């Protein structure tokens, strides 16, 4: 199973508890990020969400490709495809 931080690369959308958000800011955590650094910001209409490193650290990878955060939220990262 892929760790959440590895799956974050190039995620255009994030599905959180059944709601699709468009990723506006994404920073894959590294040795320089601390617990309260924002690593993901996303919007869905007028709704906004921000996740910190603390929110995503220790996320449990699920067999279906999703992740369960410590908060209990279910998260799935989605990369858009370009059609030529």
PDB file of N, CA and C in Angstrom:
ATOM      1  N   UNK A   1       0.829  -1.178   0.000  1.00  0.00           N
ATOM      2  CA  UNK A   1       0.000   0.000   0.000  1.00  0.00           C
ATOM      3  C   UNK A   1       0.880   1.251   0.000  1.00  0.00           C
ATOM      4  N   UNK A   2       0.396   2.282  -0.637  1.00  0.00           N
ATOM      5  CA  UNK A   2       1.145   3.527  -0.776  1.00  0.00           C
ATOM      6  C   UNK A   2       0.846   4.452   0.398  1.00  0.00           C
ATOM      7  N   UNK A   3       1.907   5.045   0.971  1.00  0.00           N
ATOM      8  CA  UNK A   3       1.724   6.015   2.045  1.00  0.00           C
ATOM      9  C   UNK A   3       1.036   7.246   1.478  1.00  0.00           C
ATOM     10  N   UNK A   4       0.245   7.909   2.312  1.00  0.00           N
ATOM     11  CA  UNK A   4      -0.476   9.107   1.889  1.00  0.00           C
ATOM     12  C   UNK A   4       0.464  10.165   1.339  1.00  0.00           C
ATOM     13  N   UNK A   5       1.595  10.394   2.006  1.00  0.00           N
ATOM     14  CA  UNK A   5       2.518  11.429   1.538  1.00  0.00           C
ATOM     15  C   UNK A   5       3.072  11.113   0.148  1.00  0.00           C
ATOM     16  N   UNK A   6       3.221   9.844  -0.187  1.00  0.00           N
ATOM     17  CA  UNK A   6       3.669   9.465  -1.526  1.00  0.00           C
ATOM     18  C   UNK A   6       2.552   9.670  -2.555  1.00  0.00           C
ATOM     19  N   UNK A   7       1.320   9.442  -2.156  1.00  0.00           N
ATOM     20  CA  UNK A   7       0.181   9.583  -3.066  1.00  0.00           C
ATOM     21  C   UNK A   7      -0.181  11.044  -3.317  1.00  0.00           C
ATOM     22  N   UNK A   8       0.301  11.962  -2.490  1.00  0.00           N
ATOM     23  CA  UNK A   8      -0.053  13.372  -2.618  1.00  0.00           C
ATOM     24  C   UNK A   8       0.526  14.024  -3.866  1.00  0.00           C
ATOM     25  N   UNK A   9       1.592  13.476  -4.426  1.00  0.00           N
ATOM     26  CA  UNK A   9       2.216  14.062  -5.609  1.00  0.00           C
ATOM     27  C   UNK A   9       1.189  14.219  -6.729  1.00  0.00           C
ATOM     28  N   UNK A  10       1.058  15.422  -7.274  1.00  0.00           N
ATOM     29  CA  UNK A  10       0.215  15.707  -8.438  1.00  0.00           C
ATOM     30  C   UNK A  10      -1.277  15.451  -8.238  1.00  0.00           C
ATOM     31  N   UNK A  11      -1.767  15.481  -7.007  1.00  0.00           N
ATOM     32  CA  UNK A  11      -3.201  15.307  -6.774  1.00  0.00           C
ATOM     33  C   UNK A  11      -3.931  16.595  -7.145  1.00  0.00           C
ATOM     34  N   UNK A  12      -4.839  16.502  -8.107  1.00  0.00           N
ATOM     35  CA  UNK A  12      -5.623  17.653  -8.543  1.00  0.00           C
ATOM     36  C   UNK A  12      -6.897  17.817  -7.720  1.00  0.00           C
ATOM     37  N   UNK A  13      -7.384  16.710  -7.192  1.00  0.00           N
ATOM     38  CA  UNK A  13      -8.607  16.711  -6.410  1.00  0.00           C
ATOM     39  C   UNK A  13      -8.416  15.824  -5.186  1.00  0.00           C
ATOM     40  N   UNK A  14      -9.218  16.084  -4.172  1.00  0.00           N
ATOM     41  CA  UNK A  14      -9.213  15.239  -2.988  1.00  0.00           C
ATOM     42  C   UNK A  14     -10.668  14.978  -2.611  1.00  0.00           C
ATOM     43  N   UNK A  15     -10.992  13.735  -2.356  1.00  0.00           N
ATOM     44  CA  UNK A  15     -12.323  13.327  -1.936  1.00  0.00           C
ATOM     45  C   UNK A  15     -12.257  13.106  -0.437  1.00  0.00           C
ATOM     46  N   UNK A  16     -13.010  13.902   0.308  1.00  0.00           N
ATOM     47  CA  UNK A  16     -13.013  13.790   1.768  1.00  0.00           C
ATOM     48  C   UNK A  16     -14.431  13.517   2.226  1.00  0.00           C
ATOM     49  N   UNK A  17     -14.630  12.369   2.826  1.00  0.00           N
ATOM     50  CA  UNK A  17     -15.952  11.957   3.299  1.00  0.00           C
ATOM     51  C   UNK A  17     -17.037  12.166   2.247  1.00  0.00           C
ATOM     52  N   UNK A  18     -16.725  11.808   1.001  1.00  0.00           N
ATOM     53  CA  UNK A  18     -17.699  11.847  -0.078  1.00  0.00           C
ATOM     54  C   UNK A  18     -17.835  13.178  -0.793  1.00  0.00           C
ATOM     55  N   UNK A  19     -17.093  14.196  -0.404  1.00  0.00           N
ATOM     56  CA  UNK A  19     -17.156  15.514  -1.046  1.00  0.00           C
ATOM     57  C   UNK A  19     -15.871  15.733  -1.837  1.00  0.00           C
ATOM     58  N   UNK A  20     -16.012  16.115  -3.109  1.00  0.00           N
ATOM     59  CA  UNK A  20     -14.858  16.364  -3.966  1.00  0.00           C
ATOM     60  C   UNK A  20     -14.417  17.820  -3.809  1.00  0.00           C
ATOM     61  N   UNK A  21     -13.141  18.004  -3.502  1.00  0.00           N
ATOM     62  CA  UNK A  21     -12.526  19.319  -3.380  1.00  0.00           C
ATOM     63  C   UNK A  21     -11.453  19.442  -4.449  1.00  0.00           C
ATOM     64  N   UNK A  22     -11.307  20.648  -5.014  1.00  0.00           N
ATOM     65  CA  UNK A  22     -10.237  20.906  -5.959  1.00  0.00           C
ATOM     66  C   UNK A  22      -9.022  21.406  -5.190  1.00  0.00           C
ATOM     67  N   UNK A  23      -7.900  20.794  -5.428  1.00  0.00           N
ATOM     68  CA  UNK A  23      -6.674  21.144  -4.721  1.00  0.00           C
ATOM     69  C   UNK A  23      -6.163  22.495  -5.207  1.00  0.00           C
ATOM     70  N   UNK A  24      -5.941  23.408  -4.258  1.00  0.00           N
ATOM     71  CA  UNK A  24      -5.394  24.714  -4.594  1.00  0.00           C
ATOM     72  C   UNK A  24      -3.934  24.824  -4.196  1.00  0.00           C
ATOM     73  N   UNK A  25      -3.577  24.177  -3.100  1.00  0.00           N
ATOM     74  CA  UNK A  25      -2.206  24.197  -2.593  1.00  0.00           C
ATOM     75  C   UNK A  25      -1.878  22.813  -2.094  1.00  0.00           C
ATOM     76  N   UNK A  26      -0.718  22.329  -2.444  1.00  0.00           N
ATOM     77  CA  UNK A  26      -0.294  20.997  -2.024  1.00  0.00           C
ATOM     78  C   UNK A  26       1.200  21.017  -1.773  1.00  0.00           C
ATOM     79  N   UNK A  27       1.587  20.616  -0.588  1.00  0.00           N
ATOM     80  CA  UNK A  27       3.007  20.486  -0.258  1.00  0.00           C
ATOM     81  C   UNK A  27       3.205  19.116   0.375  1.00  0.00           C
ATOM     82  N   UNK A  28       3.969  18.304  -0.288  1.00  0.00           N
ATOM     83  CA  UNK A  28       4.260  16.981   0.255  1.00  0.00           C
ATOM     84  C   UNK A  28       5.169  17.172   1.459  1.00  0.00           C
ATOM     85  N   UNK A  29       4.761  16.667   2.627  1.00  0.00           N
ATOM     86  CA  UNK A  29       5.591  16.837   3.826  1.00  0.00           C
ATOM     87  C   UNK A  29       6.987  16.253   3.644  1.00  0.00           C
ATOM     88  N   UNK A  30       7.963  16.967   4.185  1.00  0.00           N
ATOM     89  CA  UNK A  30       9.342  16.510   4.151  1.00  0.00           C
ATOM     90  C   UNK A  30       9.965  16.795   5.514  1.00  0.00           C
ATOM     91  N   UNK A  31      11.283  16.683   5.602  1.00  0.00           N
ATOM     92  CA  UNK A  31      11.951  16.868   6.887  1.00  0.00           C
ATOM     93  C   UNK A  31      11.886  18.305   7.390  1.00  0.00           C
ATOM     94  N   UNK A  32      11.463  19.239   6.535  1.00  0.00           N
ATOM     95  CA  UNK A  32      11.397  20.647   6.934  1.00  0.00           C
ATOM     96  C   UNK A  32      10.005  21.089   7.392  1.00  0.00           C
ATOM     97  N   UNK A  33       8.975  20.278   7.147  1.00  0.00           N
ATOM     98  CA  UNK A  33       7.637  20.648   7.590  1.00  0.00           C
ATOM     99  C   UNK A  33       7.431  20.236   9.041  1.00  0.00           C
ATOM    100  N   UNK A  34       6.698  21.074   9.763  1.00  0.00           N
ATOM    101  CA  UNK A  34       6.382  20.801  11.163  1.00  0.00           C
ATOM    102  C   UNK A  34       4.894  20.525  11.283  1.00  0.00           C
ATOM    103  N   UNK A  35       4.467  20.097  12.459  1.00  0.00           N
ATOM    104  CA  UNK A  35       3.097  19.632  12.677  1.00  0.00           C
ATOM    105  C   UNK A  35       2.025  20.620  12.242  1.00  0.00           C
ATOM    106  N   UNK A  36       2.231  21.921  12.465  1.00  0.00           N
ATOM    107  CA  UNK A  36       1.171  22.880  12.133  1.00  0.00           C
ATOM    108  C   UNK A  36       1.320  23.516  10.753  1.00  0.00           C
ATOM    109  N   UNK A  37       2.254  23.040   9.931  1.00  0.00           N
ATOM    110  CA  UNK A  37       2.372  23.520   8.551  1.00  0.00           C
ATOM    111  C   UNK A  37       1.216  22.967   7.717  1.00  0.00           C
ATOM    112  N   UNK A  38       0.592  23.837   6.924  1.00  0.00           N
ATOM    113  CA  UNK A  38      -0.468  23.390   6.016  1.00  0.00           C
ATOM    114  C   UNK A  38       0.179  22.650   4.848  1.00  0.00           C
ATOM    115  N   UNK A  39      -0.335  21.460   4.565  1.00  0.00           N
ATOM    116  CA  UNK A  39       0.199  20.664   3.458  1.00  0.00           C
ATOM    117  C   UNK A  39      -0.813  20.500   2.331  1.00  0.00           C
ATOM    118  N   UNK A  40      -2.083  20.825   2.591  1.00  0.00           N
ATOM    119  CA  UNK A  40      -3.104  20.718   1.557  1.00  0.00           C
ATOM    120  C   UNK A  40      -4.206  21.724   1.823  1.00  0.00           C
ATOM    121  N   UNK A  41      -4.523  22.518   0.804  1.00  0.00           N
ATOM    122  CA  UNK A  41      -5.687  23.398   0.836  1.00  0.00           C
ATOM    123  C   UNK A  41      -6.522  23.065  -0.387  1.00  0.00           C
ATOM    124  N   UNK A  42      -7.838  22.995  -0.212  1.00  0.00           N
ATOM    125  CA  UNK A  42      -8.707  22.641  -1.319  1.00  0.00           C
ATOM    126  C   UNK A  42     -10.065  23.301  -1.132  1.00  0.00           C
ATOM    127  N   UNK A  43     -10.784  23.474  -2.257  1.00  0.00           N
ATOM    128  CA  UNK A  43     -12.097  24.105  -2.224  1.00  0.00           C
ATOM    129  C   UNK A  43     -13.123  23.251  -2.954  1.00  0.00           C
ATOM    130  N   UNK A  44     -14.366  23.406  -2.507  1.00  0.00           N
ATOM    131  CA  UNK A  44     -15.518  22.802  -3.169  1.00  0.00           C
ATOM    132  C   UNK A  44     -16.624  23.847  -3.107  1.00  0.00           C
ATOM    133  N   UNK A  45     -16.810  24.577  -4.204  1.00  0.00           N
ATOM    134  CA  UNK A  45     -17.745  25.699  -4.175  1.00  0.00           C
ATOM    135  C   UNK A  45     -17.222  26.741  -3.201  1.00  0.00           C
ATOM    136  N   UNK A  46     -18.024  27.079  -2.195  1.00  0.00           N
ATOM    137  CA  UNK A  46     -17.591  28.045  -1.192  1.00  0.00           C
ATOM    138  C   UNK A  46     -16.959  27.388   0.028  1.00  0.00           C
ATOM    139  N   UNK A  47     -16.949  26.062   0.050  1.00  0.00           N
ATOM    140  CA  UNK A  47     -16.335  25.339   1.168  1.00  0.00           C
ATOM    141  C   UNK A  47     -14.835  25.216   0.948  1.00  0.00           C
ATOM    142  N   UNK A  48     -14.093  25.407   2.021  1.00  0.00           N
ATOM    143  CA  UNK A  48     -12.640  25.275   1.972  1.00  0.00           C
ATOM    144  C   UNK A  48     -12.189  24.316   3.058  1.00  0.00           C
ATOM    145  N   UNK A  49     -11.088  23.635   2.780  1.00  0.00           N
ATOM    146  CA  UNK A  49     -10.508  22.740   3.769  1.00  0.00           C
ATOM    147  C   UNK A  49      -8.995  22.923   3.740  1.00  0.00           C
ATOM    148  N   UNK A  50      -8.390  22.824   4.893  1.00  0.00           N
ATOM    149  CA  UNK A  50      -6.934  22.875   5.010  1.00  0.00           C
ATOM    150  C   UNK A  50      -6.510  21.749   5.933  1.00  0.00           C
ATOM    151  N   UNK A  51      -5.517  20.997   5.512  1.00  0.00           N
ATOM    152  CA  UNK A  51      -4.972  19.919   6.334  1.00  0.00           C
ATOM    153  C   UNK A  51      -3.530  20.249   6.666  1.00  0.00           C
ATOM    154  N   UNK A  52      -3.162  20.018   7.902  1.00  0.00           N
ATOM    155  CA  UNK A  52      -1.790  20.239   8.340  1.00  0.00           C
ATOM    156  C   UNK A  52      -1.019  18.927   8.301  1.00  0.00           C
ATOM    157  N   UNK A  53       0.265  19.042   8.510  1.00  0.00           N
ATOM    158  CA  UNK A  53       1.079  17.826   8.570  1.00  0.00           C
ATOM    159  C   UNK A  53       0.570  16.917   9.683  1.00  0.00           C
ATOM    160  N   UNK A  54       0.202  17.501  10.822  1.00  0.00           N
ATOM    161  CA  UNK A  54      -0.315  16.696  11.926  1.00  0.00           C
ATOM    162  C   UNK A  54      -1.574  15.939  11.509  1.00  0.00           C
ATOM    163  N   UNK A  55      -2.430  16.566  10.678  1.00  0.00           N
ATOM    164  CA  UNK A  55      -3.662  15.912  10.214  1.00  0.00           C
ATOM    165  C   UNK A  55      -3.368  14.679   9.369  1.00  0.00           C
ATOM    166  N   UNK A  56      -2.322  14.737   8.548  1.00  0.00           N
ATOM    167  CA  UNK A  56      -2.057  13.640   7.611  1.00  0.00           C
ATOM    168  C   UNK A  56      -1.044  12.624   8.131  1.00  0.00           C
ATOM    169  N   UNK A  57      -0.218  13.014   9.109  1.00  0.00           N
ATOM    170  CA  UNK A  57       0.736  12.060   9.667  1.00  0.00           C
ATOM    171  C   UNK A  57      -0.010  10.887  10.284  1.00  0.00           C
ATOM    172  N   UNK A  58       0.456   9.709  10.002  1.00  0.00           N
ATOM    173  CA  UNK A  58      -0.138   8.511  10.572  1.00  0.00           C
ATOM    174  C   UNK A  58      -1.422   8.074   9.899  1.00  0.00           C
ATOM    175  N   UNK A  59      -1.737   8.644   8.716  1.00  0.00           N
ATOM    176  CA  UNK A  59      -2.939   8.218   7.997  1.00  0.00           C
ATOM    177  C   UNK A  59      -2.829   6.732   7.673  1.00  0.00           C
ATOM    178  N   UNK A  60      -3.921   6.037   7.852  1.00  0.00           N
ATOM    179  CA  UNK A  60      -3.957   4.598   7.600  1.00  0.00           C
ATOM    180  C   UNK A  60      -4.340   4.335   6.153  1.00  0.00           C
ATOM    181  N   UNK A  61      -3.462   3.666   5.418  1.00  0.00           N
ATOM    182  CA  UNK A  61      -3.757   3.290   4.034  1.00  0.00           C
ATOM    183  C   UNK A  61      -4.782   2.162   4.041  1.00  0.00           C
ATOM    184  N   UNK A  62      -5.824   2.311   3.243  1.00  0.00           N
ATOM    185  CA  UNK A  62      -6.876   1.308   3.143  1.00  0.00           C
ATOM    186  C   UNK A  62      -6.679   0.480   1.878  1.00  0.00           C
ATOM    187  N   UNK A  63      -7.194  -0.719   1.876  1.00  0.00           N
ATOM    188  CA  UNK A  63      -7.007  -1.625   0.749  1.00  0.00           C
ATOM    189  C   UNK A  63      -7.607  -1.099  -0.548  1.00  0.00           C
ATOM    190  N   UNK A  64      -8.619  -0.230  -0.460  1.00  0.00           N
ATOM    191  CA  UNK A  64      -9.265   0.289  -1.666  1.00  0.00           C
ATOM    192  C   UNK A  64      -8.571   1.525  -2.238  1.00  0.00           C
ATOM    193  N   UNK A  65      -7.398   1.887  -1.681  1.00  0.00           N
ATOM    194  CA  UNK A  65      -6.649   3.026  -2.192  1.00  0.00           C
ATOM    195  C   UNK A  65      -6.923   4.330  -1.468  1.00  0.00           C
ATOM    196  N   UNK A  66      -7.837   4.315  -0.522  1.00  0.00           N
ATOM    197  CA  UNK A  66      -8.136   5.502   0.268  1.00  0.00           C
ATOM    198  C   UNK A  66      -7.290   5.538   1.531  1.00  0.00           C
ATOM    199  N   UNK A  67      -7.536   6.553   2.348  1.00  0.00           N
ATOM    200  CA  UNK A  67      -6.794   6.730   3.593  1.00  0.00           C
ATOM    201  C   UNK A  67      -7.755   7.171   4.685  1.00  0.00           C
ATOM    202  N   UNK A  68      -7.536   6.683   5.889  1.00  0.00           N
ATOM    203  CA  UNK A  68      -8.299   7.139   7.041  1.00  0.00           C
ATOM    204  C   UNK A  68      -7.363   7.993   7.886  1.00  0.00           C
ATOM    205  N   UNK A  69      -7.756   9.264   8.064  1.00  0.00           N
ATOM    206  CA  UNK A  69      -6.978  10.170   8.889  1.00  0.00           C
ATOM    207  C   UNK A  69      -7.224   9.877  10.358  1.00  0.00           C
ATOM    208  N   UNK A  70      -6.367  10.397  11.226  1.00  0.00           N
ATOM    209  CA  UNK A  70      -6.542  10.201  12.671  1.00  0.00           C
ATOM    210  C   UNK A  70      -7.888  10.738  13.139  1.00  0.00           C
ATOM    211  N   UNK A  71      -8.411  11.760  12.452  1.00  0.00           N
ATOM    212  CA  UNK A  71      -9.700  12.350  12.805  1.00  0.00           C
ATOM    213  C   UNK A  71     -10.863  11.427  12.473  1.00  0.00           C
ATOM    214  N   UNK A  72     -10.600  10.377  11.682  1.00  0.00           N
ATOM    215  CA  UNK A  72     -11.641   9.458  11.253  1.00  0.00           C
ATOM    216  C   UNK A  72     -12.138   9.752   9.843  1.00  0.00           C
ATOM    217  N   UNK A  73     -11.756  10.900   9.280  1.00  0.00           N
ATOM    218  CA  UNK A  73     -12.177  11.263   7.928  1.00  0.00           C
ATOM    219  C   UNK A  73     -11.583  10.298   6.908  1.00  0.00           C
ATOM    220  N   UNK A  74     -12.365  10.000   5.881  1.00  0.00           N
ATOM    221  CA  UNK A  74     -11.897   9.172   4.774  1.00  0.00           C
ATOM    222  C   UNK A  74     -11.450  10.083   3.649  1.00  0.00           C
ATOM    223  N   UNK A  75     -10.272   9.832   3.115  1.00  0.00           N
ATOM    224  CA  UNK A  75      -9.665  10.702   2.118  1.00  0.00           C
ATOM    225  C   UNK A  75      -9.182   9.870   0.946  1.00  0.00           C
ATOM    226  N   UNK A  76      -9.368  10.420  -0.248  1.00  0.00           N
ATOM    227  CA  UNK A  76      -8.861   9.775  -1.458  1.00  0.00           C
ATOM    228  C   UNK A  76      -8.294  10.879  -2.349  1.00  0.00           C
ATOM    229  N   UNK A  77      -7.099  10.700  -2.879  1.00  0.00           N
ATOM    230  CA  UNK A  77      -6.455  11.669  -3.750  1.00  0.00           C
ATOM    231  C   UNK A  77      -6.689  11.288  -5.198  1.00  0.00           C
ATOM    232  N   UNK A  78      -6.997  12.292  -6.037  1.00  0.00           N
ATOM    233  CA  UNK A  78      -7.350  12.040  -7.434  1.00  0.00           C
ATOM    234  C   UNK A  78      -6.507  12.948  -8.322  1.00  0.00           C
ATOM    235  N   UNK A  79      -5.878  12.372  -9.322  1.00  0.00           N
ATOM    236  CA  UNK A  79      -5.129  13.151 -10.309  1.00  0.00           C
ATOM    237  C   UNK A  79      -5.967  13.246 -11.574  1.00  0.00           C
ATOM    238  N   UNK A  80      -6.070  14.475 -12.115  1.00  0.00           N
ATOM    239  CA  UNK A  80      -6.812  14.675 -13.365  1.00  0.00           C
ATOM    240  C   UNK A  80      -6.036  14.129 -14.536  1.00  0.00           C
ATOM    241  N   UNK A  81      -6.738  13.791 -15.569  1.00  0.00           N
ATOM    242  CA  UNK A  81      -6.099  13.282 -16.783  1.00  0.00           C
ATOM    243  C   UNK A  81      -6.254  14.306 -17.888  1.00  0.00           C
ATOM    244  N   UNK A  82      -5.261  14.414 -18.716  1.00  0.00           N
ATOM    245  CA  UNK A  82      -5.320  15.303 -19.862  1.00  0.00           C
ATOM    246  C   UNK A  82      -5.703  14.487 -21.085  1.00  0.00           C
ATOM    247  N   UNK A  83      -6.719  14.946 -21.804  1.00  0.00           N
ATOM    248  CA  UNK A  83      -7.165  14.253 -23.004  1.00  0.00           C
ATOM    249  C   UNK A  83      -6.631  15.009 -24.211  1.00  0.00           C
ATOM    250  N   UNK A  84      -5.968  14.296 -25.119  1.00  0.00           N
ATOM    251  CA  UNK A  84      -5.399  14.916 -26.333  1.00  0.00           C
ATOM    252  C   UNK A  84      -6.222  14.567 -27.531  1.00  0.00           C
TER     253      UNK A  84
END
